[in-house]
Structure formats: C-alpha cells, structure tokens
C-alpha atoms as a PDB file:
ATOM      1  CA  MET A   1      82.932  74.201  84.280  1.00  0.00           C
ATOM      2  CA  LEU A   2      86.015  74.574  86.443  1.00  0.00           C
ATOM      3  CA  ARG A   3      88.618  71.809  86.154  1.00  0.00           C
ATOM      4  CA  ALA A   4      91.755  71.016  88.145  1.00  0.00           C
ATOM      5  CA  GLU A   5      93.769  71.761  85.005  1.00  0.00           C
ATOM      6  CA  ASP A   6      92.339  75.289  85.043  1.00  0.00           C
ATOM      7  CA  LEU A   7      93.639  75.806  88.581  1.00  0.00           C
ATOM      8  CA  SER A   8      97.013  74.364  87.631  1.00  0.00           C
ATOM      9  CA  SER A   9      97.357  76.627  84.587  1.00  0.00           C
ATOM     10  CA  ARG A  10      96.443  79.671  86.707  1.00  0.00           C
ATOM     11  CA  LEU A  11      99.162  78.692  89.185  1.00  0.00           C
ATOM     12  CA  ASP A  12     101.699  78.295  86.393  1.00  0.00           C
ATOM     13  CA  GLU A  13     101.064  81.924  85.411  1.00  0.00           C
ATOM     14  CA  LEU A  14     101.878  83.202  88.911  1.00  0.00           C
ATOM     15  CA  ALA A  15     105.308  84.206  90.153  1.00  0.00           C
ATOM     16  CA  SER A  16     106.600  82.535  93.300  1.00  0.00           C
ATOM     17  CA  PRO A  17     106.360  84.909  96.256  1.00  0.00           C
ATOM     18  CA  THR A  18     109.557  86.319  97.674  1.00  0.00           C
ATOM     19  CA  ASP A  19     107.892  87.898 100.702  1.00  0.00           C
ATOM     20  CA  ASP A  20     104.807  87.433 102.892  1.00  0.00           C
ATOM     21  CA  VAL A  21     102.460  88.214 100.004  1.00  0.00           C
ATOM     22  CA  TRP A  22     100.288  85.635  98.235  1.00  0.00           C
ATOM     23  CA  HIS A  23     100.411  85.759  94.430  1.00  0.00           C
ATOM     24  CA  ALA A  24      96.841  84.917  93.455  1.00  0.00           C
ATOM     25  CA  SER A  25      94.389  84.654  90.609  1.00  0.00           C
ATOM     26  CA  PRO A  26      90.605  84.808  91.046  1.00  0.00           C
ATOM     27  CA  LEU A  27      88.606  81.777  90.013  1.00  0.00           C
ATOM     28  CA  PRO A  28      86.291  82.282  87.039  1.00  0.00           C
ATOM     29  CA  GLY A  29      82.877  83.431  88.230  1.00  0.00           C
ATOM     30  CA  ALA A  30      83.988  83.687  91.874  1.00  0.00           C
ATOM     31  CA  LYS A  31      85.516  87.089  92.514  1.00  0.00           C
ATOM     32  CA  HIS A  32      86.205  86.348  96.194  1.00  0.00           C
ATOM     33  CA  VAL A  33      87.875  82.960  95.698  1.00  0.00           C
ATOM     34  CA  PHE A  34      91.511  82.768  94.616  1.00  0.00           C
ATOM     35  CA  VAL A  35      94.046  80.115  93.734  1.00  0.00           C
ATOM     36  CA  GLY A  36      97.535  81.174  94.676  1.00  0.00           C
ATOM     37  CA  ARG A  37     101.090  80.633  95.765  1.00  0.00           C
ATOM     38  CA  GLY A  38     101.952  81.724  99.251  1.00  0.00           C
ATOM     39  CA  PRO A  39     104.994  82.201 101.460  1.00  0.00           C
ATOM     40  CA  GLY A  40     107.258  79.184 101.582  1.00  0.00           C
ATOM     41  CA  GLY A  41     105.964  77.848  98.276  1.00  0.00           C
ATOM     42  CA  VAL A  42     102.570  76.697  99.518  1.00  0.00           C
ATOM     43  CA  VAL A  43      99.770  76.297  96.966  1.00  0.00           C
ATOM     44  CA  GLY A  44      96.245  77.006  98.060  1.00  0.00           C
ATOM     45  CA  ILE A  45      92.756  78.352  97.761  1.00  0.00           C
ATOM     46  CA  LEU A  46      91.863  81.563  99.564  1.00  0.00           C
ATOM     47  CA  VAL A  47      88.303  82.720 100.218  1.00  0.00           C
ATOM     48  CA  GLU A  48      87.931  86.397 101.079  1.00  0.00           C
ATOM     49  CA  HIS A  49      85.603  86.946 104.025  1.00  0.00           C
ATOM     50  CA  GLY A  50      84.185  90.314 103.161  1.00  0.00           C
ATOM     51  CA  ALA A  51      81.504  91.195 105.699  1.00  0.00           C
ATOM     52  CA  PHE A  52      81.610  87.959 107.711  1.00  0.00           C
ATOM     53  CA  ALA A  53      84.322  86.395 109.811  1.00  0.00           C
ATOM     54  CA  ALA A  54      84.985  82.670 109.837  1.00  0.00           C
ATOM     55  CA  THR A  55      85.532  80.969 113.155  1.00  0.00           C
ATOM     56  CA  GLY A  56      87.199  77.776 114.215  1.00  0.00           C
ATOM     57  CA  ARG A  57      90.641  76.472 114.845  1.00  0.00           C
ATOM     58  CA  PRO A  58      93.331  75.874 112.270  1.00  0.00           C
ATOM     59  CA  THR A  59      93.739  72.254 111.238  1.00  0.00           C
ATOM     60  CA  VAL A  60      97.151  70.935 110.304  1.00  0.00           C
ATOM     61  CA  LEU A  61      97.812  67.599 108.622  1.00  0.00           C
ATOM     62  CA  ARG A  62     101.057  66.320 107.167  1.00  0.00           C
ATOM     63  CA  HIS A  63     100.824  68.308 103.918  1.00  0.00           C
ATOM     64  CA  ILE A  64      97.492  70.107 104.242  1.00  0.00           C
ATOM     65  CA  ARG A  65      96.612  73.103 106.363  1.00  0.00           C
ATOM     66  CA  PHE A  66      93.234  74.762 106.856  1.00  0.00           C
ATOM     67  CA  VAL A  67      93.185  78.229 108.391  1.00  0.00           C
ATOM     68  CA  PRO A  68      89.645  79.543 108.992  1.00  0.00           C
ATOM     69  CA  SER A  69      90.651  83.163 109.400  1.00  0.00           C
ATOM     70  CA  PHE A  70      93.832  85.129 108.820  1.00  0.00           C
ATOM     71  CA  ASP A  71      94.889  88.454 107.376  1.00  0.00           C
ATOM     72  CA  ALA A  72      96.875  88.278 104.177  1.00  0.00           C
ATOM     73  CA  THR A  73      98.063  90.441 101.345  1.00  0.00           C
ATOM     74  CA  ILE A  74      97.394  89.132  97.864  1.00  0.00           C
ATOM     75  CA  ARG A  75      98.979  90.358  94.669  1.00  0.00           C
ATOM     76  CA  GLN A  76      97.237  90.080  91.318  1.00  0.00           C
ATOM     77  CA  GLY A  77      99.692  91.232  88.691  1.00  0.00           C
ATOM     78  CA  ASP A  78     100.675  94.755  89.726  1.00  0.00           C
ATOM     79  CA  ALA A  79      97.687  95.245  92.071  1.00  0.00           C
ATOM     80  CA  GLN A  80      97.943  94.374  95.743  1.00  0.00           C
ATOM     81  CA  ARG A  81      95.400  94.337  98.574  1.00  0.00           C
ATOM     82  CA  THR A  82      95.065  93.151 102.150  1.00  0.00           C
ATOM     83  CA  GLY A  83      92.027  91.385 103.536  1.00  0.00           C
ATOM     84  CA  SER A  84      90.721  88.664 105.795  1.00  0.00           C
ATOM     85  CA  PHE A  85      90.662  85.169 104.287  1.00  0.00           C
ATOM     86  CA  SER A  86      90.054  81.502 104.951  1.00  0.00           C
ATOM     87  CA  ALA A  87      92.546  79.219 103.269  1.00  0.00           C
ATOM     88  CA  LEU A  88      93.208  75.607 102.469  1.00  0.00           C
ATOM     89  CA  TRP A  89      96.715  74.953 101.265  1.00  0.00           C
ATOM     90  CA  CYS A  90      99.179  72.215 100.424  1.00  0.00           C
ATOM     91  CA  GLU A  91     102.661  72.606 101.831  1.00  0.00           C
ATOM     92  CA  ASN A  92     105.896  70.731 101.173  1.00  0.00           C
ATOM     93  CA  GLY A  93     104.272  68.928  98.268  1.00  0.00           C
ATOM     94  CA  ASP A  94     105.825  67.666  95.082  1.00  0.00           C
ATOM     95  CA  SER A  95     104.048  68.164  91.761  1.00  0.00           C
ATOM     96  CA  THR A  96     102.058  64.921  92.084  1.00  0.00           C
ATOM     97  CA  LEU A  97     100.734  65.847  95.521  1.00  0.00           C
ATOM     98  CA  THR A  98      99.933  69.370  94.325  1.00  0.00           C
ATOM     99  CA  ASP A  99      97.995  67.949  91.354  1.00  0.00           C
ATOM    100  CA  TYR A 100      95.913  65.728  93.667  1.00  0.00           C
ATOM    101  CA  PHE A 101      95.333  68.669  95.992  1.00  0.00           C
ATOM    102  CA  LEU A 102      94.069  70.801  93.088  1.00  0.00           C
ATOM    103  CA  ARG A 103      91.670  68.039  91.990  1.00  0.00           C
ATOM    104  CA  VAL A 104      90.169  67.815  95.464  1.00  0.00           C
ATOM    105  CA  VAL A 105      90.003  71.590  95.866  1.00  0.00           C
ATOM    106  CA  CYS A 106      88.367  71.947  92.460  1.00  0.00           C
ATOM    107  CA  ASN A 107      85.589  69.556  93.569  1.00  0.00           C
ATOM    108  CA  LEU A 108      85.175  71.456  96.839  1.00  0.00           C
ATOM    109  CA  VAL A 109      84.820  74.764  95.040  1.00  0.00           C
ATOM    110  CA  LEU A 110      82.303  73.298  92.586  1.00  0.00           C
ATOM    111  CA  SER A 111      80.243  71.701  95.358  1.00  0.00           C
ATOM    112  CA  ALA A 112      80.203  74.971  97.326  1.00  0.00           C
ATOM    113  CA  ASP A 113      78.894  76.836  94.270  1.00  0.00           C
ATOM    114  CA  VAL A 114      80.885  79.989  95.113  1.00  0.00           C
END
C-alpha cells in the first residue's frame, strides 16, 4: 500500500531541476502517474494523459496549483520524454507543507485506484 513516506523517499532520490524539465519517478503499480520535482522547486503529482485529454481551467490557491492539461518533459534518470499531463503541485512550500501535501496526494491517488 502506498504511503506518504514512499512519495517523500522517491522525491529525495530526485535531483532538483535546473531547466524546464520535471524530474520524476513513477508510482508503484501506476506507470502513468509520477511524483516529481518541477521548475522553480515545485513538488507534485503528474498524471500522463495518453489517449485522452483533460479539460477544465487551472486552479491556483496560495500554495497549491492544479493544471488539468499541459505539455511537459519528464526525466527519469537518464531517460527523458515529453507528453501531455495533468498535475497537482505544491509551490513555495517548506518541508512541513510539502509533507502535508504528500499525505493528501497519497490519499487521492489511493482513492482513484490508478
């Protein structure tokens, strides 16, 4: 069973991006869902669209941003690919806020059964 600590440890293994590329790690058992670090130090969950396209408007809160559809490049180790994603990320957060974000995201991923 996925735990917030699992997401946090995956993030700790990732380098901080120095460009417009997300450094990401796939979630166990969900090859199209990634936890990652993005431009500007954001921490988030990305869901690759594949054959469908998400619709809606981006939602921006003080430290949380939801983007239903955007093109991004993700890097997994030495491999890199570009695709269309939905993302929920935490920006400008300290470690405590990031930990809370990961707990909530972990529950969302588990409830979605991706």
